[in-house]
Amino acid sequence: RALDLVKQKNPDMAADELKNIADVVGISAVKYADLSKTRTSDYVFSFDSMLSFEGNTAPYLLYAYTRVASVFAKAGVSAEQLSGQIRLDSEQEKALGTKLMQFNDAVNNVAAKGLPHVMCSYLFELAGAFSSFYEACPILIAEDEEVKQSRLKLAALTAKTLKQGLSLLGINTLERM
């Protein structure tokens, strides 16, 4: 099912790359669906829900991560090449910065209580904050270089946090979907 989904979105992609992406998406979708629910609640096993690119699902989070990777690919820079400070001028930048700062709390909460769904909720909220930021704050065509560097740093930190959080859940990320 994941392979069919990936093929629909990338009909011209090489077969071996399609299979790799489908493997990661499919396994991640099942893991995430299980971990995102409180362990004491029941849920209905549904491939359609698990493989959705909308809502609190692994494909949604993987897509958020690959979106950041594509920004850096288009910019032709790596996170290590960025300079300057992060500026939080707009409401979306502030919301994203605030959500990024909550990562340690989420990790500590999961570790203390053994509730992985807390990390899932945090990552979903982070991806939503990044999506709002991405739509409202142009990154590559920012008004000046200082703003561009700041927004690239926010994007890089978001990707790093998503990758770390997903890794803690046993989920691999992809650079391209």
Protein backbone atom coordinates (compact mmCIF):
# COMPACT_ATOMS: atom_id res chain seq x y z
CA ARG A 1 0.00 0.00 0.00
CA ALA A 2 2.84 2.40 0.81
CA LEU A 3 4.50 1.59 -2.51
CA ASP A 4 1.30 2.40 -4.40
CA LEU A 5 1.02 5.68 -2.51
CA VAL A 6 4.64 6.65 -3.23
CA LYS A 7 4.29 5.67 -6.91
CA GLN A 8 1.26 7.94 -7.25
CA LYS A 9 3.21 10.90 -5.91
CA ASN A 10 6.44 10.12 -7.85
CA PRO A 11 5.59 8.25 -11.07
CA ASP A 12 9.00 8.98 -12.65
CA MET A 13 11.16 7.87 -9.70
CA ALA A 14 13.49 4.88 -10.05
CA ALA A 15 12.06 1.58 -8.80
CA ASP A 16 14.75 0.97 -6.17
CA GLU A 17 14.28 4.45 -4.68
CA LEU A 18 10.49 3.98 -4.69
CA LYS A 19 10.88 0.70 -2.81
CA ASN A 20 13.20 2.25 -0.21
CA ILE A 21 10.84 5.17 0.40
CA ALA A 22 7.83 2.83 0.53
CA ASP A 23 9.58 0.59 3.08
CA VAL A 24 10.37 3.53 5.36
CA VAL A 25 6.90 5.07 4.98
CA GLY A 26 5.07 1.77 5.50
CA ILE A 27 7.01 0.64 8.57
CA SER A 28 6.98 4.15 10.04
CA ALA A 29 3.23 4.46 9.51
CA VAL A 30 2.48 1.30 11.49
CA LYS A 31 4.96 2.10 14.29
CA TYR A 32 3.75 5.67 14.61
CA ALA A 33 0.08 4.69 14.61
CA ASP A 34 0.72 2.35 17.51
CA LEU A 35 2.92 4.76 19.48
CA SER A 36 0.74 7.84 18.95
CA LYS A 37 -2.16 6.44 20.98
CA THR A 38 -2.20 6.15 24.74
CA ARG A 39 -1.32 2.58 25.56
CA THR A 40 -4.53 2.06 27.51
CA SER A 41 -6.87 3.10 24.69
CA ASP A 42 -8.15 0.98 21.84
CA TYR A 43 -7.87 2.00 18.22
CA VAL A 44 -8.96 0.67 14.87
CA PHE A 45 -6.15 -0.65 12.68
CA SER A 46 -6.55 1.13 9.35
CA PHE A 47 -3.94 1.32 6.62
CA ASP A 48 -5.77 4.25 5.06
CA SER A 49 -5.53 6.27 8.27
CA MET A 50 -1.93 5.26 8.92
CA LEU A 51 -0.75 6.16 5.43
CA SER A 52 -2.53 9.50 5.27
CA PHE A 53 -0.45 12.60 4.58
CA GLU A 54 -2.88 14.59 6.72
CA GLY A 55 -3.25 14.50 10.46
CA ASN A 56 -1.09 13.01 13.19
CA THR A 57 0.62 10.34 11.06
CA ALA A 58 4.16 9.28 10.21
CA PRO A 59 3.81 10.23 6.52
CA TYR A 60 2.81 13.77 7.55
CA LEU A 61 5.88 14.08 9.80
CA LEU A 62 8.20 12.50 7.23
CA TYR A 63 6.88 14.93 4.64
CA ALA A 64 7.54 17.87 6.99
CA TYR A 65 11.13 16.68 7.37
CA THR A 66 11.63 16.27 3.61
CA ARG A 67 10.13 19.72 3.04
CA VAL A 68 13.00 21.22 5.06
CA ALA A 69 15.51 19.08 3.16
CA SER A 70 14.14 20.40 -0.13
CA VAL A 71 14.52 24.00 1.07
CA PHE A 72 18.20 23.36 1.75
CA ALA A 73 18.62 21.57 -1.58
CA LYS A 74 17.11 24.57 -3.41
CA ALA A 75 19.26 26.98 -1.38
CA GLY A 76 22.39 24.98 -2.18
CA VAL A 77 23.66 25.27 1.41
CA SER A 78 23.97 23.02 4.42
CA ALA A 79 22.99 23.89 7.98
CA GLU A 80 26.68 24.11 8.92
CA GLN A 81 27.20 26.96 6.45
CA LEU A 82 24.64 29.26 8.06
CA SER A 83 25.66 32.37 9.93
CA GLY A 84 24.05 34.96 12.16
CA GLN A 85 21.49 34.69 14.92
CA ILE A 86 17.95 33.40 14.88
CA ARG A 87 15.46 36.27 14.87
CA LEU A 88 11.88 35.72 15.92
CA ASP A 89 10.07 38.68 14.41
CA SER A 90 6.78 37.31 13.08
CA GLU A 91 4.13 35.47 15.08
CA GLN A 92 4.87 32.27 13.15
CA GLU A 93 8.60 32.52 13.90
CA LYS A 94 7.83 33.02 17.59
CA ALA A 95 5.41 30.08 17.64
CA LEU A 96 7.95 27.82 15.94
CA GLY A 97 10.75 28.97 18.25
CA THR A 98 8.57 28.36 21.29
CA LYS A 99 7.63 24.88 20.10
CA LEU A 100 11.29 24.03 19.40
CA MET A 101 12.20 25.05 22.95
CA GLN A 102 9.70 22.51 24.33
CA PHE A 103 11.58 19.49 22.94
CA ASN A 104 13.53 18.79 26.15
CA ASP A 105 10.31 18.88 28.15
CA ALA A 106 8.73 16.36 25.76
CA VAL A 107 11.74 14.03 25.99
CA ASN A 108 11.83 14.25 29.79
CA ASN A 109 8.09 13.66 30.01
CA VAL A 110 8.29 10.58 27.79
CA ALA A 111 11.26 9.22 29.75
CA ALA A 112 9.69 9.84 33.15
CA LYS A 113 6.26 8.44 32.35
CA GLY A 114 6.96 5.96 29.53
CA LEU A 115 4.33 7.54 27.30
CA PRO A 116 5.57 7.71 23.69
CA HIS A 117 2.32 9.30 22.51
CA VAL A 118 3.52 12.50 24.22
CA MET A 119 6.45 12.65 21.78
CA CYS A 120 4.11 11.95 18.88
CA SER A 121 1.85 14.83 19.91
CA TYR A 122 4.84 17.13 20.30
CA LEU A 123 6.23 16.24 16.85
CA PHE A 124 2.81 16.72 15.25
CA GLU A 125 2.51 20.16 16.84
CA LEU A 126 6.06 21.02 15.74
CA ALA A 127 5.31 20.00 12.16
CA GLY A 128 2.17 22.15 12.26
CA ALA A 129 4.11 25.13 13.59
CA PHE A 130 6.70 24.66 10.85
CA SER A 131 3.99 24.47 8.20
CA SER A 132 2.48 27.76 9.41
CA PHE A 133 5.95 29.33 9.48
CA TYR A 134 6.77 28.02 5.99
CA GLU A 135 3.57 29.43 4.51
CA ALA A 136 3.82 32.85 6.19
CA CYS A 137 7.57 33.51 6.16
CA PRO A 138 9.37 33.21 2.82
CA ILE A 139 12.71 31.55 3.42
CA LEU A 140 14.66 31.62 0.17
CA ILE A 141 13.20 34.93 -0.99
CA ALA A 142 13.34 36.69 2.37
CA GLU A 143 13.66 40.47 2.35
CA ASP A 144 17.36 40.44 3.27
CA GLU A 145 20.22 38.00 3.88
CA GLU A 146 20.05 38.25 7.68
CA VAL A 147 16.37 37.25 7.69
CA LYS A 148 17.09 34.46 5.18
CA GLN A 149 19.88 33.05 7.37
CA SER A 150 17.66 33.24 10.46
CA ARG A 151 14.80 31.43 8.74
CA LEU A 152 17.14 28.79 7.34
CA LYS A 153 18.46 28.24 10.88
CA LEU A 154 14.91 27.83 12.19
CA ALA A 155 14.19 25.34 9.40
CA ALA A 156 17.41 23.42 10.13
CA LEU A 157 16.61 23.26 13.83
CA THR A 158 13.11 22.03 13.01
CA ALA A 159 14.51 19.25 10.81
CA LYS A 160 17.04 18.27 13.46
CA THR A 161 14.33 18.14 16.12
CA LEU A 162 11.93 16.15 13.94
CA LYS A 163 14.69 13.68 13.08
CA GLN A 164 15.75 13.30 16.71
CA GLY A 165 12.18 12.87 17.94
CA LEU A 166 11.31 10.33 15.25
CA SER A 167 14.56 8.49 15.96
CA LEU A 168 13.61 8.23 19.64
CA LEU A 169 10.42 6.54 18.45
CA GLY A 170 12.43 4.12 16.27
CA ILE A 171 11.41 5.83 13.03
CA ASN A 172 13.84 6.62 10.21
CA THR A 173 13.59 9.82 8.18
CA LEU A 174 13.96 10.37 4.44
CA GLU A 175 15.66 13.17 2.56
CA ARG A 176 13.17 12.83 -0.29
CA MET A 177 9.66 11.43 -0.67
